[in-house]
C-alpha atoms as a PDB file:
ATOM      1  CA  MET A   1      45.830   3.143  24.641  1.00  0.00           C
ATOM      2  CA  LYS A   2      45.162   1.424  21.303  1.00  0.00           C
ATOM      3  CA  ASP A   3      41.877   3.308  20.890  1.00  0.00           C
ATOM      4  CA  GLU A   4      43.585   6.609  21.691  1.00  0.00           C
ATOM      5  CA  VAL A   5      46.243   5.999  19.039  1.00  0.00           C
ATOM      6  CA  TRP A   6      43.546   5.094  16.508  1.00  0.00           C
ATOM      7  CA  GLU A   7      41.623   8.282  17.251  1.00  0.00           C
ATOM      8  CA  PHE A   8      44.783  10.394  17.156  1.00  0.00           C
ATOM      9  CA  LYS A   9      45.627   9.140  13.659  1.00  0.00           C
ATOM     10  CA  ARG A  10      42.098   9.799  12.431  1.00  0.00           C
ATOM     11  CA  GLU A  11      42.330  13.329  13.804  1.00  0.00           C
ATOM     12  CA  ARG A  12      45.619  13.919  12.002  1.00  0.00           C
ATOM     13  CA  ILE A  13      44.040  12.883   8.703  1.00  0.00           C
ATOM     14  CA  LEU A  14      41.088  15.191   9.304  1.00  0.00           C
ATOM     15  CA  ASP A  15      43.394  18.050  10.297  1.00  0.00           C
ATOM     16  CA  GLU A  16      45.139  17.791   6.923  1.00  0.00           C
ATOM     17  CA  ALA A  17      42.000  17.189   4.862  1.00  0.00           C
ATOM     18  CA  VAL A  18      40.075  20.250   6.126  1.00  0.00           C
ATOM     19  CA  PRO A  19      42.416  22.991   4.815  1.00  0.00           C
ATOM     20  CA  LEU A  20      42.922  21.090   1.550  1.00  0.00           C
ATOM     21  CA  PHE A  21      39.158  20.762   0.937  1.00  0.00           C
ATOM     22  CA  ALA A  22      38.675  24.423   1.871  1.00  0.00           C
ATOM     23  CA  GLU A  23      41.379  25.651  -0.519  1.00  0.00           C
ATOM     24  CA  PHE A  24      41.000  23.312  -3.496  1.00  0.00           C
ATOM     25  CA  GLY A  25      37.452  22.017  -3.102  1.00  0.00           C
ATOM     26  CA  PHE A  26      36.353  18.431  -2.577  1.00  0.00           C
ATOM     27  CA  GLN A  27      36.747  17.514  -6.238  1.00  0.00           C
ATOM     28  CA  GLY A  28      40.203  19.079  -6.376  1.00  0.00           C
ATOM     29  CA  VAL A  29      41.631  16.922  -3.590  1.00  0.00           C
ATOM     30  CA  SER A  30      42.505  13.245  -3.829  1.00  0.00           C
ATOM     31  CA  ILE A  31      43.374  10.707  -1.156  1.00  0.00           C
ATOM     32  CA  ASP A  32      46.831  10.677  -2.693  1.00  0.00           C
ATOM     33  CA  LYS A  33      47.157  14.424  -2.090  1.00  0.00           C
ATOM     34  CA  ILE A  34      46.074  14.048   1.539  1.00  0.00           C
ATOM     35  CA  ALA A  35      48.537  11.185   2.019  1.00  0.00           C
ATOM     36  CA  LYS A  36      51.399  13.218   0.543  1.00  0.00           C
ATOM     37  CA  GLN A  37      50.549  16.113   2.843  1.00  0.00           C
ATOM     38  CA  LEU A  38      50.727  13.744   5.803  1.00  0.00           C
ATOM     39  CA  LYS A  39      53.840  12.002   4.427  1.00  0.00           C
ATOM     40  CA  VAL A  40      52.119   8.621   4.645  1.00  0.00           C
ATOM     41  CA  THR A  41      50.869   6.062   2.125  1.00  0.00           C
ATOM     42  CA  LYS A  42      47.364   5.971   0.621  1.00  0.00           C
ATOM     43  CA  PRO A  43      46.604   2.634   2.361  1.00  0.00           C
ATOM     44  CA  PHE A  44      47.300   4.364   5.680  1.00  0.00           C
ATOM     45  CA  VAL A  45      44.488   6.855   5.003  1.00  0.00           C
ATOM     46  CA  TYR A  46      42.167   4.089   3.800  1.00  0.00           C
ATOM     47  CA  THR A  47      42.744   2.268   7.100  1.00  0.00           C
ATOM     48  CA  TYR A  48      40.853   5.039   8.893  1.00  0.00           C
ATOM     49  CA  PHE A  49      38.443   6.248   6.192  1.00  0.00           C
ATOM     50  CA  LYS A  50      37.032   3.928   3.552  1.00  0.00           C
ATOM     51  CA  ASN A  51      37.027   6.695   0.916  1.00  0.00           C
ATOM     52  CA  LYS A  52      37.087  10.460   0.372  1.00  0.00           C
ATOM     53  CA  ASP A  53      33.304  10.629   0.794  1.00  0.00           C
ATOM     54  CA  ALA A  54      33.625   9.237   4.317  1.00  0.00           C
ATOM     55  CA  LEU A  55      36.153  11.949   5.129  1.00  0.00           C
ATOM     56  CA  LEU A  56      33.822  14.689   3.929  1.00  0.00           C
ATOM     57  CA  GLU A  57      30.880  13.239   5.824  1.00  0.00           C
ATOM     58  CA  GLU A  58      32.894  13.124   9.051  1.00  0.00           C
ATOM     59  CA  ILE A  59      33.899  16.770   8.615  1.00  0.00           C
ATOM     60  CA  PHE A  60      30.246  17.759   8.163  1.00  0.00           C
ATOM     61  CA  GLU A  61      29.106  15.705  11.143  1.00  0.00           C
ATOM     62  CA  ARG A  62      31.693  17.241  13.440  1.00  0.00           C
ATOM     63  CA  ALA A  63      31.109  20.770  12.205  1.00  0.00           C
ATOM     64  CA  LEU A  64      27.380  20.513  12.757  1.00  0.00           C
ATOM     65  CA  GLN A  65      27.678  18.884  16.166  1.00  0.00           C
ATOM     66  CA  ASN A  66      30.117  21.568  17.260  1.00  0.00           C
ATOM     67  CA  ILE A  67      27.701  24.316  16.221  1.00  0.00           C
ATOM     68  CA  LEU A  68      24.727  22.598  17.838  1.00  0.00           C
ATOM     69  CA  THR A  69      26.543  21.907  21.109  1.00  0.00           C
ATOM     70  CA  GLY A  70      27.896  25.437  21.420  1.00  0.00           C
ATOM     71  CA  ALA A  71      24.585  27.041  20.505  1.00  0.00           C
ATOM     72  CA  GLU A  72      22.699  24.833  22.942  1.00  0.00           C
ATOM     73  CA  GLU A  73      24.937  26.033  25.766  1.00  0.00           C
ATOM     74  CA  VAL A  74      24.018  29.623  24.902  1.00  0.00           C
ATOM     75  CA  PHE A  75      20.322  28.845  24.563  1.00  0.00           C
ATOM     76  CA  ALA A  76      20.320  27.131  27.968  1.00  0.00           C
ATOM     77  CA  VAL A  77      21.584  30.206  29.820  1.00  0.00           C
ATOM     78  CA  HIS A  78      18.903  31.991  31.827  1.00  0.00           C
ATOM     79  CA  GLY A  79      18.429  35.644  31.067  1.00  0.00           C
ATOM     80  CA  PRO A  80      16.478  38.153  28.984  1.00  0.00           C
ATOM     81  CA  PRO A  81      15.904  37.112  25.334  1.00  0.00           C
ATOM     82  CA  GLU A  82      17.922  40.067  24.050  1.00  0.00           C
ATOM     83  CA  ASP A  83      20.967  39.048  26.106  1.00  0.00           C
ATOM     84  CA  ARG A  84      20.701  35.438  24.950  1.00  0.00           C
ATOM     85  CA  LEU A  85      20.343  36.472  21.300  1.00  0.00           C
ATOM     86  CA  LYS A  86      23.385  38.732  21.552  1.00  0.00           C
ATOM     87  CA  ALA A  87      25.375  35.941  23.209  1.00  0.00           C
ATOM     88  CA  PHE A  88      24.341  33.520  20.485  1.00  0.00           C
ATOM     89  CA  ALA A  89      25.271  35.933  17.683  1.00  0.00           C
ATOM     90  CA  LYS A  90      28.678  36.616  19.240  1.00  0.00           C
ATOM     91  CA  TYR A  91      29.351  32.906  19.679  1.00  0.00           C
ATOM     92  CA  TYR A  92      28.332  32.131  16.104  1.00  0.00           C
ATOM     93  CA  VAL A  93      30.449  34.963  14.651  1.00  0.00           C
ATOM     94  CA  LEU A  94      33.571  33.944  16.581  1.00  0.00           C
ATOM     95  CA  GLU A  95      33.019  30.292  15.708  1.00  0.00           C
ATOM     96  CA  ASN A  96      32.817  31.117  12.004  1.00  0.00           C
ATOM     97  CA  ILE A  97      36.021  33.164  12.212  1.00  0.00           C
ATOM     98  CA  ARG A  98      37.923  30.518  14.188  1.00  0.00           C
ATOM     99  CA  ARG A  99      36.776  27.701  11.919  1.00  0.00           C
ATOM    100  CA  SER A 100      36.681  29.497   8.576  1.00  0.00           C
ATOM    101  CA  ASP A 101      38.000  26.447   6.690  1.00  0.00           C
ATOM    102  CA  ILE A 102      35.211  24.237   8.016  1.00  0.00           C
ATOM    103  CA  THR A 103      32.631  26.953   7.365  1.00  0.00           C
ATOM    104  CA  ALA A 104      33.793  27.150   3.746  1.00  0.00           C
ATOM    105  CA  ILE A 105      33.462  23.385   3.357  1.00  0.00           C
ATOM    106  CA  PHE A 106      30.071  23.408   5.050  1.00  0.00           C
ATOM    107  CA  LEU A 107      28.705  25.989   2.612  1.00  0.00           C
ATOM    108  CA  ASN A 108      30.404  24.824  -0.588  1.00  0.00           C
ATOM    109  CA  GLU A 109      30.611  21.043  -0.461  1.00  0.00           C
ATOM    110  CA  GLU A 110      27.181  19.808   0.637  1.00  0.00           C
ATOM    111  CA  LYS A 111      26.469  18.892  -3.002  1.00  0.00           C
ATOM    112  CA  ASN A 112      29.182  16.239  -2.763  1.00  0.00           C
ATOM    113  CA  LEU A 113      27.502  14.394   0.106  1.00  0.00           C
ATOM    114  CA  SER A 114      25.276  11.423  -0.575  1.00  0.00           C
ATOM    115  CA  PRO A 115      21.512  12.166  -0.720  1.00  0.00           C
ATOM    116  CA  GLU A 116      21.066  10.239   2.535  1.00  0.00           C
ATOM    117  CA  SER A 117      23.740  12.298   4.318  1.00  0.00           C
ATOM    118  CA  GLN A 118      22.333  15.554   2.960  1.00  0.00           C
ATOM    119  CA  LYS A 119      18.869  14.677   4.234  1.00  0.00           C
ATOM    120  CA  ARG A 120      20.133  13.707   7.703  1.00  0.00           C
ATOM    121  CA  LEU A 121      22.365  16.736   8.111  1.00  0.00           C
ATOM    122  CA  ARG A 122      19.707  19.155   6.886  1.00  0.00           C
ATOM    123  CA  ALA A 123      17.273  17.715   9.418  1.00  0.00           C
ATOM    124  CA  GLN A 124      19.817  18.275  12.194  1.00  0.00           C
ATOM    125  CA  HIS A 125      20.503  21.813  11.048  1.00  0.00           C
ATOM    126  CA  HIS A 126      16.774  22.511  10.947  1.00  0.00           C
ATOM    127  CA  GLU A 127      16.688  21.740  14.674  1.00  0.00           C
ATOM    128  CA  PHE A 128      19.296  24.470  15.137  1.00  0.00           C
ATOM    129  CA  ASP A 129      17.119  26.930  13.175  1.00  0.00           C
ATOM    130  CA  LYS A 130      14.093  25.980  15.256  1.00  0.00           C
ATOM    131  CA  ARG A 131      15.943  26.559  18.537  1.00  0.00           C
ATOM    132  CA  LEU A 132      16.966  30.033  17.409  1.00  0.00           C
ATOM    133  CA  ALA A 133      13.399  30.736  16.237  1.00  0.00           C
ATOM    134  CA  LYS A 134      12.136  29.636  19.667  1.00  0.00           C
ATOM    135  CA  LEU A 135      14.487  32.128  21.336  1.00  0.00           C
ATOM    136  CA  ILE A 136      13.100  34.868  19.094  1.00  0.00           C
ATOM    137  CA  GLU A 137       9.548  33.783  19.949  1.00  0.00           C
ATOM    138  CA  ASP A 138      10.430  34.175  23.629  1.00  0.00           C
ATOM    139  CA  GLY A 139      11.455  37.755  22.916  1.00  0.00           C
ATOM    140  CA  VAL A 140       8.205  38.418  21.056  1.00  0.00           C
ATOM    141  CA  LYS A 141       6.157  37.025  23.945  1.00  0.00           C
ATOM    142  CA  SER A 142       8.043  39.140  26.463  1.00  0.00           C
ATOM    143  CA  GLY A 143       7.459  42.228  24.328  1.00  0.00           C
ATOM    144  CA  VAL A 144      11.080  43.105  23.500  1.00  0.00           C
ATOM    145  CA  PHE A 145      11.114  41.802  19.883  1.00  0.00           C
ATOM    146  CA  THR A 146       8.693  42.676  17.099  1.00  0.00           C
ATOM    147  CA  VAL A 147       8.771  39.866  14.548  1.00  0.00           C
ATOM    148  CA  GLU A 148       5.961  38.444  12.416  1.00  0.00           C
ATOM    149  CA  ASP A 149       7.914  35.332  11.374  1.00  0.00           C
ATOM    150  CA  PRO A 150      10.456  34.107  13.969  1.00  0.00           C
ATOM    151  CA  MET A 151      11.706  31.299  11.715  1.00  0.00           C
ATOM    152  CA  LEU A 152      12.430  33.720   8.880  1.00  0.00           C
ATOM    153  CA  ALA A 153      14.232  36.007  11.326  1.00  0.00           C
ATOM    154  CA  SER A 154      16.216  32.995  12.528  1.00  0.00           C
ATOM    155  CA  LEU A 155      17.298  32.153   8.986  1.00  0.00           C
ATOM    156  CA  ALA A 156      18.204  35.796   8.324  1.00  0.00           C
ATOM    157  CA  ILE A 157      20.477  35.957  11.364  1.00  0.00           C
ATOM    158  CA  SER A 158      22.145  32.632  10.537  1.00  0.00           C
ATOM    159  CA  GLY A 159      22.637  33.641   6.923  1.00  0.00           C
ATOM    160  CA  MET A 160      24.132  36.983   7.922  1.00  0.00           C
ATOM    161  CA  VAL A 161      26.776  35.238  10.006  1.00  0.00           C
ATOM    162  CA  ARG A 162      27.572  32.217   7.833  1.00  0.00           C
ATOM    163  CA  TRP A 163      29.254  34.198   5.070  1.00  0.00           C
ATOM    164  CA  ILE A 164      31.690  36.048   7.319  1.00  0.00           C
ATOM    165  CA  HIS A 165      34.482  33.702   6.235  1.00  0.00           C
ATOM    166  CA  ARG A 166      34.225  35.101   2.686  1.00  0.00           C
ATOM    167  CA  TRP A 167      35.097  38.682   3.592  1.00  0.00           C
ATOM    168  CA  TYR A 168      36.611  38.785   7.092  1.00  0.00           C
ATOM    169  CA  ARG A 169      40.353  39.475   7.231  1.00  0.00           C
ATOM    170  CA  ALA A 170      42.495  39.173  10.341  1.00  0.00           C
ATOM    171  CA  ASP A 171      44.417  42.307   9.308  1.00  0.00           C
ATOM    172  CA  GLY A 172      41.203  44.306   8.851  1.00  0.00           C
ATOM    173  CA  CYS A 173      39.999  47.245  10.909  1.00  0.00           C
ATOM    174  CA  LEU A 174      37.973  45.112  13.358  1.00  0.00           C
ATOM    175  CA  SER A 175      39.142  42.453  15.770  1.00  0.00           C
ATOM    176  CA  PRO A 176      37.032  39.282  16.038  1.00  0.00           C
ATOM    177  CA  ASP A 177      35.500  40.507  19.299  1.00  0.00           C
ATOM    178  CA  GLU A 178      34.688  43.925  17.842  1.00  0.00           C
ATOM    179  CA  LEU A 179      33.075  42.336  14.806  1.00  0.00           C
ATOM    180  CA  ALA A 180      31.098  39.937  17.016  1.00  0.00           C
ATOM    181  CA  GLU A 181      29.777  42.877  19.031  1.00  0.00           C
ATOM    182  CA  LYS A 182      28.650  44.759  15.915  1.00  0.00           C
ATOM    183  CA  MET A 183      27.049  41.689  14.345  1.00  0.00           C
ATOM    184  CA  SER A 184      25.180  40.931  17.569  1.00  0.00           C
ATOM    185  CA  LYS A 185      23.633  44.414  17.345  1.00  0.00           C
ATOM    186  CA  PHE A 186      22.637  43.713  13.743  1.00  0.00           C
ATOM    187  CA  ALA A 187      20.931  40.541  14.994  1.00  0.00           C
ATOM    188  CA  LEU A 188      18.924  42.634  17.459  1.00  0.00           C
ATOM    189  CA  ASN A 189      17.998  44.983  14.611  1.00  0.00           C
ATOM    190  CA  ILE A 190      16.596  42.054  12.623  1.00  0.00           C
ATOM    191  CA  VAL A 191      14.153  41.289  15.442  1.00  0.00           C
ATOM    192  CA  SER A 192      13.359  45.009  15.914  1.00  0.00           C
ATOM    193  CA  TYR A 193      14.666  45.142  19.460  1.00  0.00           C
ATOM    194  CA  SER A 194      14.606  48.446  21.280  1.00  0.00           C
ATOM    195  CA  GLU A 195      15.566  49.356  24.822  1.00  0.00           C
ATOM    196  CA  LYS A 196      12.267  51.243  25.035  1.00  0.00           C
ATOM    197  CA  LYS A 197      10.381  47.950  24.724  1.00  0.00           C
ATOM    198  CA  LYS A 198      11.916  46.483  27.864  1.00  0.00           C
ATOM    199  CA  PRO A 199       9.329  46.077  30.598  1.00  0.00           C
ATOM    200  CA  ALA A 200       9.744  48.586  33.386  1.00  0.00           C
ATOM    201  CA  ARG A 201      11.037  47.129  36.627  1.00  0.00           C
ATOM    202  CA  ARG A 202       8.599  47.018  39.458  1.00  0.00           C
ATOM    203  CA  THR A 203       9.539  49.080  42.431  1.00  0.00           C
ATOM    204  CA  THR A 204       8.362  48.375  45.934  1.00  0.00           C
ATOM    205  CA  THR A 205       7.927  50.944  48.654  1.00  0.00           C
ATOM    206  CA  ARG A 206       8.550  50.053  52.245  1.00  0.00           C
ATOM    207  CA  LYS A 207       5.664  50.847  54.533  1.00  0.00           C
ATOM    208  CA  THR A 208       6.425  52.980  57.537  1.00  0.00           C
ATOM    209  CA  ALA A 209       4.694  52.567  60.826  1.00  0.00           C
END
């Protein structure tokens, strides 16, 4: 029970810090501001995070692990490369819409991490890029994608999706699901997918006596 209470309080601090960092930037938010938002004292926050840098690092760690875990579940599904790429793109779009505050922090505040944290997190994110590139390579090998550089295509797809938080509006003309569907088709365009490239199904004829 004690551990659960500890974790609950850490989560509450993170829940308040994320929207503040997203709106005002890391440099524009102090521990005092976070404490006032929570209606607690500064020492309370310091009990769970040694400083503001530790808070930012935890946000980055969780954001990256969430992306990696969700993407890995999509990558692990059996099916044609084009279906898996579409599923990945839809997942990534919806995740960026749902977690727009964290996406904003992820893109804008890396410069405020320590060099050691930046190096570690970039290495982890590179694994994500490599997994997506491997999926694209699978599509090239099966003949449904035409791509000279799968890693570059991977980065293009990720980059296309990451900035959704800057322009997407909930009151816009597209729902999240509609936008995810359109963006998944753009992802297929990047790898030059065409229905005509799909291998023809083999048909078997039953012999008659």
